[in-house]
C-alpha atoms as a PDB file:
ATOM      1  CA  UNK A   1      50.367 -24.199  30.578  1.00  0.00           C
ATOM      2  CA  UNK A   2      51.777 -21.392  28.440  1.00  0.00           C
ATOM      3  CA  UNK A   3      49.955 -22.750  25.396  1.00  0.00           C
ATOM      4  CA  UNK A   4      46.659 -22.629  27.269  1.00  0.00           C
ATOM      5  CA  UNK A   5      47.258 -19.024  28.418  1.00  0.00           C
ATOM      6  CA  UNK A   6      48.303 -18.042  24.919  1.00  0.00           C
ATOM      7  CA  UNK A   7      45.132 -19.566  23.471  1.00  0.00           C
ATOM      8  CA  UNK A   8      42.980 -17.666  26.001  1.00  0.00           C
ATOM      9  CA  UNK A   9      44.762 -14.395  25.219  1.00  0.00           C
ATOM     10  CA  UNK A  10      44.192 -14.899  21.481  1.00  0.00           C
ATOM     11  CA  UNK A  11      40.473 -15.508  22.087  1.00  0.00           C
ATOM     12  CA  UNK A  12      40.172 -12.346  24.214  1.00  0.00           C
ATOM     13  CA  UNK A  13      42.012 -10.229  21.645  1.00  0.00           C
ATOM     14  CA  UNK A  14      39.892 -11.657  18.816  1.00  0.00           C
ATOM     15  CA  UNK A  15      36.702 -10.902  20.738  1.00  0.00           C
ATOM     16  CA  UNK A  16      37.848  -7.357  21.468  1.00  0.00           C
ATOM     17  CA  UNK A  17      38.679  -6.705  17.791  1.00  0.00           C
ATOM     18  CA  UNK A  18      35.320  -8.145  16.702  1.00  0.00           C
ATOM     19  CA  UNK A  19      33.420  -5.873  19.106  1.00  0.00           C
ATOM     20  CA  UNK A  20      35.355  -2.822  17.913  1.00  0.00           C
ATOM     21  CA  UNK A  21      34.584  -3.672  14.278  1.00  0.00           C
ATOM     22  CA  UNK A  22      30.889  -4.071  14.997  1.00  0.00           C
ATOM     23  CA  UNK A  23      30.835  -0.817  16.928  1.00  0.00           C
ATOM     24  CA  UNK A  24      32.448   0.881  13.926  1.00  0.00           C
ATOM     25  CA  UNK A  25      29.812  -0.546  11.609  1.00  0.00           C
ATOM     26  CA  UNK A  26      26.981   0.657  13.817  1.00  0.00           C
ATOM     27  CA  UNK A  27      28.633   4.063  14.121  1.00  0.00           C
ATOM     28  CA  UNK A  28      28.955   4.321  10.309  1.00  0.00           C
ATOM     29  CA  UNK A  29      25.341   3.289   9.752  1.00  0.00           C
ATOM     30  CA  UNK A  30      24.156   5.719  12.401  1.00  0.00           C
ATOM     31  CA  UNK A  31      26.214   8.499  10.891  1.00  0.00           C
ATOM     32  CA  UNK A  32      24.819   7.708   7.429  1.00  0.00           C
ATOM     33  CA  UNK A  33      21.219   7.745   8.630  1.00  0.00           C
ATOM     34  CA  UNK A  34      21.730  10.931  10.650  1.00  0.00           C
ATOM     35  CA  UNK A  35      23.230  12.636   7.598  1.00  0.00           C
ATOM     36  CA  UNK A  36      19.946  12.024   5.754  1.00  0.00           C
ATOM     37  CA  UNK A  37      17.586  14.793   6.673  1.00  0.00           C
ATOM     38  CA  UNK A  38      14.149  13.622   5.505  1.00  0.00           C
ATOM     39  CA  UNK A  39      12.092  10.406   5.823  1.00  0.00           C
ATOM     40  CA  UNK A  40      11.951  10.181   2.035  1.00  0.00           C
ATOM     41  CA  UNK A  41      15.755  10.225   1.830  1.00  0.00           C
ATOM     42  CA  UNK A  42      16.019   7.567   4.533  1.00  0.00           C
ATOM     43  CA  UNK A  43      13.544   5.400   2.608  1.00  0.00           C
ATOM     44  CA  UNK A  44      15.488   5.928  -0.632  1.00  0.00           C
ATOM     45  CA  UNK A  45      18.806   5.065   1.046  1.00  0.00           C
ATOM     46  CA  UNK A  46      17.306   1.891   2.501  1.00  0.00           C
ATOM     47  CA  UNK A  47      15.837   0.832  -0.846  1.00  0.00           C
ATOM     48  CA  UNK A  48      19.077   1.477  -2.708  1.00  0.00           C
ATOM     49  CA  UNK A  49      20.983  -0.774  -0.327  1.00  0.00           C
ATOM     50  CA  UNK A  50      18.443  -3.457   0.479  1.00  0.00           C
ATOM     51  CA  UNK A  51      15.730  -3.749  -2.197  1.00  0.00           C
ATOM     52  CA  UNK A  52      16.122  -5.025  -5.747  1.00  0.00           C
ATOM     53  CA  UNK A  53      14.465  -3.201  -8.644  1.00  0.00           C
ATOM     54  CA  UNK A  54      11.534  -5.642  -8.801  1.00  0.00           C
ATOM     55  CA  UNK A  55      10.759  -4.828  -5.181  1.00  0.00           C
ATOM     56  CA  UNK A  56      10.397  -1.161  -6.079  1.00  0.00           C
ATOM     57  CA  UNK A  57       7.216  -2.120  -7.864  1.00  0.00           C
ATOM     58  CA  UNK A  58       5.655  -3.369  -4.630  1.00  0.00           C
ATOM     59  CA  UNK A  59       6.369  -0.424  -2.337  1.00  0.00           C
ATOM     60  CA  UNK A  60       5.178   3.133  -1.790  1.00  0.00           C
ATOM     61  CA  UNK A  61       7.255   5.156  -4.235  1.00  0.00           C
ATOM     62  CA  UNK A  62       5.866   8.405  -5.620  1.00  0.00           C
ATOM     63  CA  UNK A  63       3.923   8.014  -8.853  1.00  0.00           C
ATOM     64  CA  UNK A  64       6.454  10.039 -10.866  1.00  0.00           C
ATOM     65  CA  UNK A  65       9.545   8.582  -9.201  1.00  0.00           C
ATOM     66  CA  UNK A  66      12.209   8.222 -11.958  1.00  0.00           C
ATOM     67  CA  UNK A  67      12.811   4.597 -10.942  1.00  0.00           C
ATOM     68  CA  UNK A  68       9.190   3.744 -11.699  1.00  0.00           C
ATOM     69  CA  UNK A  69       9.251   5.529 -15.053  1.00  0.00           C
ATOM     70  CA  UNK A  70      12.509   3.809 -15.978  1.00  0.00           C
ATOM     71  CA  UNK A  71      11.139   0.433 -14.888  1.00  0.00           C
ATOM     72  CA  UNK A  72       8.018   0.888 -17.029  1.00  0.00           C
ATOM     73  CA  UNK A  73      10.201   1.607 -20.060  1.00  0.00           C
ATOM     74  CA  UNK A  74      12.949  -0.961 -19.607  1.00  0.00           C
ATOM     75  CA  UNK A  75      10.612  -3.804 -18.679  1.00  0.00           C
ATOM     76  CA  UNK A  76       8.390  -3.233 -21.708  1.00  0.00           C
ATOM     77  CA  UNK A  77       5.208  -2.133 -19.956  1.00  0.00           C
ATOM     78  CA  UNK A  78       4.606   0.538 -22.602  1.00  0.00           C
ATOM     79  CA  UNK A  79       4.553  -0.607 -26.225  1.00  0.00           C
ATOM     80  CA  UNK A  80       4.716   2.043 -28.989  1.00  0.00           C
ATOM     81  CA  UNK A  81       2.004   2.320 -31.658  1.00  0.00           C
ATOM     82  CA  UNK A  82       1.932  -0.517 -34.166  1.00  0.00           C
ATOM     83  CA  UNK A  83       3.595  -0.047 -37.545  1.00  0.00           C
ATOM     84  CA  UNK A  84       1.683  -2.997 -39.015  1.00  0.00           C
ATOM     85  CA  UNK A  85      -1.542  -2.700 -41.045  1.00  0.00           C
ATOM     86  CA  UNK A  86      -4.812  -2.732 -39.113  1.00  0.00           C
ATOM     87  CA  UNK A  87      -6.203  -6.226 -38.591  1.00  0.00           C
ATOM     88  CA  UNK A  88      -9.804  -5.455 -37.632  1.00  0.00           C
ATOM     89  CA  UNK A  89     -12.898  -7.603 -38.008  1.00  0.00           C
ATOM     90  CA  UNK A  90     -15.289  -4.696 -38.710  1.00  0.00           C
ATOM     91  CA  UNK A  91     -13.296  -1.499 -39.333  1.00  0.00           C
ATOM     92  CA  UNK A  92     -16.310   0.512 -40.559  1.00  0.00           C
ATOM     93  CA  UNK A  93     -18.468  -0.111 -37.483  1.00  0.00           C
ATOM     94  CA  UNK A  94     -18.182   1.855 -34.239  1.00  0.00           C
ATOM     95  CA  UNK A  95     -18.139  -0.935 -31.613  1.00  0.00           C
ATOM     96  CA  UNK A  96     -18.818   1.430 -28.696  1.00  0.00           C
ATOM     97  CA  UNK A  97     -22.163   1.088 -26.917  1.00  0.00           C
ATOM     98  CA  UNK A  98     -22.712   4.842 -27.157  1.00  0.00           C
ATOM     99  CA  UNK A  99     -19.844   6.285 -25.129  1.00  0.00           C
ATOM    100  CA  UNK A 100     -17.861   7.486 -28.159  1.00  0.00           C
ATOM    101  CA  UNK A 101     -20.981   9.159 -29.578  1.00  0.00           C
ATOM    102  CA  UNK A 102     -21.359  11.189 -26.388  1.00  0.00           C
ATOM    103  CA  UNK A 103     -17.671  12.117 -26.338  1.00  0.00           C
ATOM    104  CA  UNK A 104     -17.799  13.325 -29.926  1.00  0.00           C
ATOM    105  CA  UNK A 105     -20.884  15.426 -29.225  1.00  0.00           C
ATOM    106  CA  UNK A 106     -19.454  17.046 -26.107  1.00  0.00           C
ATOM    107  CA  UNK A 107     -16.114  17.812 -27.780  1.00  0.00           C
ATOM    108  CA  UNK A 108     -17.786  18.953 -31.018  1.00  0.00           C
ATOM    109  CA  UNK A 109     -16.291  16.162 -33.116  1.00  0.00           C
ATOM    110  CA  UNK A 110     -12.792  17.217 -32.199  1.00  0.00           C
ATOM    111  CA  UNK A 111      -9.873  15.794 -34.170  1.00  0.00           C
ATOM    112  CA  UNK A 112      -6.399  14.727 -33.074  1.00  0.00           C
ATOM    113  CA  UNK A 113      -7.265  14.255 -29.410  1.00  0.00           C
ATOM    114  CA  UNK A 114      -5.732  11.861 -26.913  1.00  0.00           C
ATOM    115  CA  UNK A 115      -7.578   9.018 -25.159  1.00  0.00           C
ATOM    116  CA  UNK A 116      -6.891   6.386 -22.534  1.00  0.00           C
ATOM    117  CA  UNK A 117      -8.955   3.213 -22.504  1.00  0.00           C
ATOM    118  CA  UNK A 118      -8.494   0.920 -19.514  1.00  0.00           C
ATOM    119  CA  UNK A 119     -10.230  -2.414 -19.858  1.00  0.00           C
ATOM    120  CA  UNK A 120      -9.349  -2.353 -23.560  1.00  0.00           C
ATOM    121  CA  UNK A 121     -10.170  -6.051 -24.018  1.00  0.00           C
ATOM    122  CA  UNK A 122      -8.941  -7.149 -27.480  1.00  0.00           C
ATOM    123  CA  UNK A 123      -8.735  -3.616 -28.862  1.00  0.00           C
ATOM    124  CA  UNK A 124     -11.880  -3.903 -30.985  1.00  0.00           C
ATOM    125  CA  UNK A 125     -14.859  -5.574 -29.295  1.00  0.00           C
ATOM    126  CA  UNK A 126     -16.950  -2.836 -27.626  1.00  0.00           C
ATOM    127  CA  UNK A 127     -14.004  -0.462 -27.873  1.00  0.00           C
ATOM    128  CA  UNK A 128     -14.926   3.089 -26.875  1.00  0.00           C
ATOM    129  CA  UNK A 129     -11.922   4.579 -28.663  1.00  0.00           C
ATOM    130  CA  UNK A 130     -11.469   2.747 -31.966  1.00  0.00           C
ATOM    131  CA  UNK A 131     -13.781   5.099 -33.890  1.00  0.00           C
ATOM    132  CA  UNK A 132     -11.937   8.135 -32.518  1.00  0.00           C
ATOM    133  CA  UNK A 133      -8.655   6.665 -33.714  1.00  0.00           C
ATOM    134  CA  UNK A 134      -9.818   5.573 -37.165  1.00  0.00           C
ATOM    135  CA  UNK A 135     -12.030   8.493 -38.149  1.00  0.00           C
ATOM    136  CA  UNK A 136     -10.849  11.467 -36.097  1.00  0.00           C
ATOM    137  CA  UNK A 137      -7.097  10.940 -35.926  1.00  0.00           C
ATOM    138  CA  UNK A 138      -6.852  10.503 -32.171  1.00  0.00           C
ATOM    139  CA  UNK A 139      -3.789   9.040 -30.473  1.00  0.00           C
ATOM    140  CA  UNK A 140      -3.926   7.279 -27.153  1.00  0.00           C
ATOM    141  CA  UNK A 141      -3.074   4.539 -24.708  1.00  0.00           C
ATOM    142  CA  UNK A 142      -4.811   1.167 -24.398  1.00  0.00           C
ATOM    143  CA  UNK A 143      -4.436  -0.611 -21.042  1.00  0.00           C
ATOM    144  CA  UNK A 144      -5.367  -4.274 -20.622  1.00  0.00           C
ATOM    145  CA  UNK A 145      -4.384  -6.389 -17.627  1.00  0.00           C
ATOM    146  CA  UNK A 146      -5.316  -9.838 -18.981  1.00  0.00           C
ATOM    147  CA  UNK A 147      -2.276 -11.280 -20.819  1.00  0.00           C
ATOM    148  CA  UNK A 148      -4.526 -13.356 -23.113  1.00  0.00           C
ATOM    149  CA  UNK A 149      -6.614 -10.340 -24.104  1.00  0.00           C
ATOM    150  CA  UNK A 150      -3.516  -8.217 -24.555  1.00  0.00           C
ATOM    151  CA  UNK A 151      -2.073 -10.704 -27.025  1.00  0.00           C
ATOM    152  CA  UNK A 152      -5.243 -10.340 -29.125  1.00  0.00           C
ATOM    153  CA  UNK A 153      -5.078  -6.556 -28.771  1.00  0.00           C
ATOM    154  CA  UNK A 154      -1.558  -6.383 -30.187  1.00  0.00           C
ATOM    155  CA  UNK A 155      -2.676  -8.336 -33.250  1.00  0.00           C
ATOM    156  CA  UNK A 156      -5.211  -5.605 -34.137  1.00  0.00           C
ATOM    157  CA  UNK A 157      -2.508  -3.182 -35.261  1.00  0.00           C
ATOM    158  CA  UNK A 158      -3.826  -0.204 -33.292  1.00  0.00           C
ATOM    159  CA  UNK A 159      -1.770   2.949 -33.901  1.00  0.00           C
ATOM    160  CA  UNK A 160      -1.592   3.924 -30.247  1.00  0.00           C
ATOM    161  CA  UNK A 161       0.448   3.107 -27.146  1.00  0.00           C
ATOM    162  CA  UNK A 162      -0.535  -0.013 -25.233  1.00  0.00           C
ATOM    163  CA  UNK A 163       0.254  -1.600 -21.879  1.00  0.00           C
ATOM    164  CA  UNK A 164      -0.231  -5.102 -20.521  1.00  0.00           C
ATOM    165  CA  UNK A 165      -0.777  -3.933 -16.947  1.00  0.00           C
ATOM    166  CA  UNK A 166      -3.516  -2.990 -14.516  1.00  0.00           C
ATOM    167  CA  UNK A 167      -4.231   0.493 -13.299  1.00  0.00           C
ATOM    168  CA  UNK A 168      -3.194   0.621  -9.663  1.00  0.00           C
ATOM    169  CA  UNK A 169      -5.809   0.750  -6.928  1.00  0.00           C
ATOM    170  CA  UNK A 170      -3.274   2.463  -4.655  1.00  0.00           C
ATOM    171  CA  UNK A 171      -1.221   5.584  -5.449  1.00  0.00           C
ATOM    172  CA  UNK A 172       1.900   3.482  -6.042  1.00  0.00           C
ATOM    173  CA  UNK A 173       2.825   0.390  -8.106  1.00  0.00           C
ATOM    174  CA  UNK A 174       1.762  -2.993  -6.794  1.00  0.00           C
ATOM    175  CA  UNK A 175       1.020  -6.505  -7.999  1.00  0.00           C
ATOM    176  CA  UNK A 176      -2.307  -8.334  -7.975  1.00  0.00           C
ATOM    177  CA  UNK A 177      -3.827 -11.695  -8.723  1.00  0.00           C
ATOM    178  CA  UNK A 178      -5.851 -11.241 -11.895  1.00  0.00           C
ATOM    179  CA  UNK A 179      -8.714 -13.431 -13.077  1.00  0.00           C
ATOM    180  CA  UNK A 180      -8.468 -14.086 -16.823  1.00  0.00           C
ATOM    181  CA  UNK A 181     -11.978 -14.313 -18.233  1.00  0.00           C
ATOM    182  CA  UNK A 182     -12.141 -12.200 -21.404  1.00  0.00           C
ATOM    183  CA  UNK A 183     -14.622  -9.338 -20.804  1.00  0.00           C
ATOM    184  CA  UNK A 184     -15.224 -10.428 -17.183  1.00  0.00           C
ATOM    185  CA  UNK A 185     -11.569 -10.452 -16.132  1.00  0.00           C
ATOM    186  CA  UNK A 186     -10.776  -8.525 -12.967  1.00  0.00           C
ATOM    187  CA  UNK A 187      -8.502  -8.041  -9.970  1.00  0.00           C
ATOM    188  CA  UNK A 188      -9.085 -10.715  -7.310  1.00  0.00           C
ATOM    189  CA  UNK A 189      -6.699  -9.571  -4.606  1.00  0.00           C
ATOM    190  CA  UNK A 190      -3.086  -8.833  -3.661  1.00  0.00           C
ATOM    191  CA  UNK A 191      -0.327 -10.910  -5.219  1.00  0.00           C
ATOM    192  CA  UNK A 192       0.846 -12.284  -1.869  1.00  0.00           C
ATOM    193  CA  UNK A 193      -2.426 -14.183  -1.371  1.00  0.00           C
ATOM    194  CA  UNK A 194      -0.953 -17.567  -2.304  1.00  0.00           C
ATOM    195  CA  UNK A 195      -4.153 -19.432  -1.475  1.00  0.00           C
ATOM    196  CA  UNK A 196      -6.142 -17.225  -3.835  1.00  0.00           C
ATOM    197  CA  UNK A 197      -3.611 -17.773  -6.589  1.00  0.00           C
ATOM    198  CA  UNK A 198      -3.456 -21.572  -6.280  1.00  0.00           C
ATOM    199  CA  UNK A 199      -6.916 -22.605  -5.082  1.00  0.00           C
ATOM    200  CA  UNK A 200      -9.043 -20.785  -7.652  1.00  0.00           C
ATOM    201  CA  UNK A 201      -9.996 -21.961 -11.130  1.00  0.00           C
ATOM    202  CA  UNK A 202      -7.172 -22.277 -13.604  1.00  0.00           C
ATOM    203  CA  UNK A 203      -6.234 -19.042 -15.325  1.00  0.00           C
ATOM    204  CA  UNK A 204      -5.454 -16.690 -12.435  1.00  0.00           C
ATOM    205  CA  UNK A 205      -2.162 -14.851 -12.910  1.00  0.00           C
ATOM    206  CA  UNK A 206      -0.044 -12.228 -11.177  1.00  0.00           C
ATOM    207  CA  UNK A 207      -0.206  -8.881 -12.976  1.00  0.00           C
ATOM    208  CA  UNK A 208       1.724  -5.668 -12.399  1.00  0.00           C
ATOM    209  CA  UNK A 209      -0.276  -2.495 -11.696  1.00  0.00           C
ATOM    210  CA  UNK A 210       0.844   1.101 -12.227  1.00  0.00           C
ATOM    211  CA  UNK A 211      -0.856   4.397 -11.406  1.00  0.00           C
ATOM    212  CA  UNK A 212      -2.312   6.125 -14.452  1.00  0.00           C
ATOM    213  CA  UNK A 213      -0.111   9.148 -13.743  1.00  0.00           C
ATOM    214  CA  UNK A 214       3.036   6.979 -13.909  1.00  0.00           C
ATOM    215  CA  UNK A 215       2.128   5.607 -17.344  1.00  0.00           C
ATOM    216  CA  UNK A 216       1.170   9.020 -18.732  1.00  0.00           C
ATOM    217  CA  UNK A 217       4.271  10.709 -17.331  1.00  0.00           C
ATOM    218  CA  UNK A 218       6.445   8.056 -18.973  1.00  0.00           C
ATOM    219  CA  UNK A 219       5.101   9.005 -22.420  1.00  0.00           C
ATOM    220  CA  UNK A 220       4.980  12.733 -21.661  1.00  0.00           C
ATOM    221  CA  UNK A 221       1.212  13.220 -21.597  1.00  0.00           C
ATOM    222  CA  UNK A 222      -0.490  15.610 -19.168  1.00  0.00           C
ATOM    223  CA  UNK A 223      -3.832  16.172 -20.942  1.00  0.00           C
ATOM    224  CA  UNK A 224      -6.283  13.381 -21.724  1.00  0.00           C
ATOM    225  CA  UNK A 225      -9.326  14.323 -23.783  1.00  0.00           C
ATOM    226  CA  UNK A 226     -11.209  11.108 -23.020  1.00  0.00           C
ATOM    227  CA  UNK A 227     -10.623   8.431 -20.404  1.00  0.00           C
ATOM    228  CA  UNK A 228     -12.670   5.219 -20.635  1.00  0.00           C
ATOM    229  CA  UNK A 229     -12.534   3.276 -17.357  1.00  0.00           C
ATOM    230  CA  UNK A 230     -14.064  -0.204 -17.202  1.00  0.00           C
ATOM    231  CA  UNK A 231     -12.272  -2.576 -14.822  1.00  0.00           C
ATOM    232  CA  UNK A 232     -15.097  -4.693 -13.421  1.00  0.00           C
ATOM    233  CA  UNK A 233     -15.358  -3.300  -9.912  1.00  0.00           C
ATOM    234  CA  UNK A 234     -12.286  -1.225  -9.035  1.00  0.00           C
ATOM    235  CA  UNK A 235     -13.202   1.996 -10.811  1.00  0.00           C
ATOM    236  CA  UNK A 236     -13.649   4.097  -7.668  1.00  0.00           C
ATOM    237  CA  UNK A 237     -10.311   2.979  -6.230  1.00  0.00           C
ATOM    238  CA  UNK A 238      -8.540   3.798  -9.499  1.00  0.00           C
ATOM    239  CA  UNK A 239     -10.114   7.258  -9.632  1.00  0.00           C
ATOM    240  CA  UNK A 240      -8.903   7.976  -6.108  1.00  0.00           C
ATOM    241  CA  UNK A 241      -5.277   7.420  -7.159  1.00  0.00           C
ATOM    242  CA  UNK A 242      -5.339  10.073  -9.891  1.00  0.00           C
ATOM    243  CA  UNK A 243      -3.672  13.413  -9.090  1.00  0.00           C
ATOM    244  CA  UNK A 244      -6.250  15.563 -10.843  1.00  0.00           C
ATOM    245  CA  UNK A 245      -4.153  18.634 -10.048  1.00  0.00           C
ATOM    246  CA  UNK A 246      -1.402  17.255 -12.311  1.00  0.00           C
ATOM    247  CA  UNK A 247      -3.465  15.651 -15.101  1.00  0.00           C
ATOM    248  CA  UNK A 248      -6.296  17.305 -17.000  1.00  0.00           C
ATOM    249  CA  UNK A 249      -8.848  14.689 -18.045  1.00  0.00           C
ATOM    250  CA  UNK A 250     -11.592  16.411 -20.000  1.00  0.00           C
ATOM    251  CA  UNK A 251     -14.175  13.630 -20.428  1.00  0.00           C
ATOM    252  CA  UNK A 252     -14.532  10.320 -18.583  1.00  0.00           C
ATOM    253  CA  UNK A 253     -16.822   7.338 -18.953  1.00  0.00           C
ATOM    254  CA  UNK A 254     -16.825   5.259 -15.771  1.00  0.00           C
ATOM    255  CA  UNK A 255     -18.543   1.898 -15.411  1.00  0.00           C
ATOM    256  CA  UNK A 256     -20.349   1.729 -12.073  1.00  0.00           C
ATOM    257  CA  UNK A 257     -22.412  -1.465 -12.022  1.00  0.00           C
ATOM    258  CA  UNK A 258     -19.762  -3.764 -10.489  1.00  0.00           C
ATOM    259  CA  UNK A 259     -18.131  -1.265  -8.154  1.00  0.00           C
ATOM    260  CA  UNK A 260     -18.069  -1.662  -4.386  1.00  0.00           C
ATOM    261  CA  UNK A 261     -19.573   1.813  -3.988  1.00  0.00           C
ATOM    262  CA  UNK A 262     -22.721   3.299  -5.498  1.00  0.00           C
ATOM    263  CA  UNK A 263     -22.775   5.464  -8.597  1.00  0.00           C
ATOM    264  CA  UNK A 264     -23.829   8.374  -6.381  1.00  0.00           C
ATOM    265  CA  UNK A 265     -20.623   7.999  -4.369  1.00  0.00           C
ATOM    266  CA  UNK A 266     -18.611   7.972  -7.585  1.00  0.00           C
ATOM    267  CA  UNK A 267     -20.448  11.077  -8.787  1.00  0.00           C
ATOM    268  CA  UNK A 268     -19.937  12.882  -5.492  1.00  0.00           C
ATOM    269  CA  UNK A 269     -16.206  12.130  -5.540  1.00  0.00           C
ATOM    270  CA  UNK A 270     -15.830  13.349  -9.114  1.00  0.00           C
ATOM    271  CA  UNK A 271     -17.733  16.523  -8.232  1.00  0.00           C
ATOM    272  CA  UNK A 272     -15.039  17.337  -5.656  1.00  0.00           C
ATOM    273  CA  UNK A 273     -12.509  17.109  -8.493  1.00  0.00           C
ATOM    274  CA  UNK A 274     -14.370  19.568 -10.709  1.00  0.00           C
ATOM    275  CA  UNK A 275     -16.556  17.239 -12.788  1.00  0.00           C
ATOM    276  CA  UNK A 276     -20.256  17.008 -13.539  1.00  0.00           C
ATOM    277  CA  UNK A 277     -22.355  14.160 -14.900  1.00  0.00           C
ATOM    278  CA  UNK A 278     -23.463  14.826 -18.480  1.00  0.00           C
ATOM    279  CA  UNK A 279     -25.450  11.628 -19.092  1.00  0.00           C
ATOM    280  CA  UNK A 280     -25.416   7.843 -18.700  1.00  0.00           C
ATOM    281  CA  UNK A 281     -24.946   4.980 -21.151  1.00  0.00           C
ATOM    282  CA  UNK A 282     -26.634   1.663 -20.364  1.00  0.00           C
ATOM    283  CA  UNK A 283     -27.320  -1.571 -22.176  1.00  0.00           C
ATOM    284  CA  UNK A 284     -30.134  -4.089 -21.636  1.00  0.00           C
ATOM    285  CA  UNK A 285     -27.588  -6.939 -21.555  1.00  0.00           C
ATOM    286  CA  UNK A 286     -25.300  -5.127 -19.108  1.00  0.00           C
ATOM    287  CA  UNK A 287     -22.720  -4.474 -21.817  1.00  0.00           C
ATOM    288  CA  UNK A 288     -22.591  -0.863 -20.646  1.00  0.00           C
ATOM    289  CA  UNK A 289     -23.439   0.887 -17.383  1.00  0.00           C
ATOM    290  CA  UNK A 290     -21.450   4.093 -17.548  1.00  0.00           C
ATOM    291  CA  UNK A 291     -21.511   7.565 -16.077  1.00  0.00           C
ATOM    292  CA  UNK A 292     -20.217  10.235 -18.467  1.00  0.00           C
ATOM    293  CA  UNK A 293     -18.347  13.088 -16.753  1.00  0.00           C
ATOM    294  CA  UNK A 294     -17.078  16.382 -18.135  1.00  0.00           C
ATOM    295  CA  UNK A 295     -14.525  18.639 -16.475  1.00  0.00           C
ATOM    296  CA  UNK A 296     -15.593  22.172 -15.580  1.00  0.00           C
ATOM    297  CA  UNK A 297     -13.146  23.516 -18.172  1.00  0.00           C
ATOM    298  CA  UNK A 298     -15.139  21.841 -20.960  1.00  0.00           C
ATOM    299  CA  UNK A 299     -17.656  24.254 -22.436  1.00  0.00           C
ATOM    300  CA  UNK A 300     -20.842  22.315 -23.115  1.00  0.00           C
ATOM    301  CA  UNK A 301     -24.211  23.962 -22.589  1.00  0.00           C
ATOM    302  CA  UNK A 302     -26.398  21.348 -24.220  1.00  0.00           C
ATOM    303  CA  UNK A 303     -28.055  18.276 -22.760  1.00  0.00           C
ATOM    304  CA  UNK A 304     -27.737  14.651 -23.777  1.00  0.00           C
ATOM    305  CA  UNK A 305     -30.523  12.244 -22.902  1.00  0.00           C
ATOM    306  CA  UNK A 306     -29.497   8.937 -21.302  1.00  0.00           C
ATOM    307  CA  UNK A 307     -28.436   6.457 -23.964  1.00  0.00           C
ATOM    308  CA  UNK A 308     -29.965   2.982 -23.736  1.00  0.00           C
ATOM    309  CA  UNK A 309     -28.915   0.335 -26.218  1.00  0.00           C
END
């Protein structure tokens, strides 16, 4: 009889202690949350306690958040300029379809500028920046999302930064399913679309995307003299992520033919950011369909007829 009563008493005491401990935990958590004064601090506290570093790259952190910049560096998403000799097929030929010619004319054959080329392919074929690097001393950043293309790019020995990543289509890092198809490679959809990843033709891969501002901030660049954007259909979304109040981009070439919006919509958006269309570059085989923009700070009073190659 006494044993049974003793057992019951032990159970009651144990239950009481458990409830008190849980209450203490809830009180501590509540106190911690209440001591954080802003939503951003609450989000940061939650992420520090509950989300691993890889998960940071899939959530809405600010583009210049130190964790993003550190992740880009430590995970090797920015590779310094090559120290190896150039390994080019045709080093004396400008492979651009006319974009680099326009840039040079607008900027009066400026030397030692800085470029970004997204959709860099193998670093040589139809490159809009190679001539600027070789003959005018420009530095820059080459961005190529396709791992196969990026491997070829690294073998070219370009003397500029490079990144095997996509430019984000949202103002924060995220991952996508990427279709590997040389010059026709593109973003297919979000990385969590398992059916898209497994049921499509062989070659689709998950690729990390970063905002342009995150990549540039990591290498300490705030002025870009020329930005070549050719990503097979997501150009408008990429442009919308750029904080133009924090980055000065002087000249842009933007492919429009595959985008979900019209070239007029792209032009109208860029006008709100202080840009005007200077000319267009097109090719009869659809190797180029670009709008060329100049920022209002660029002094250029001439005209350039549309370039058709």
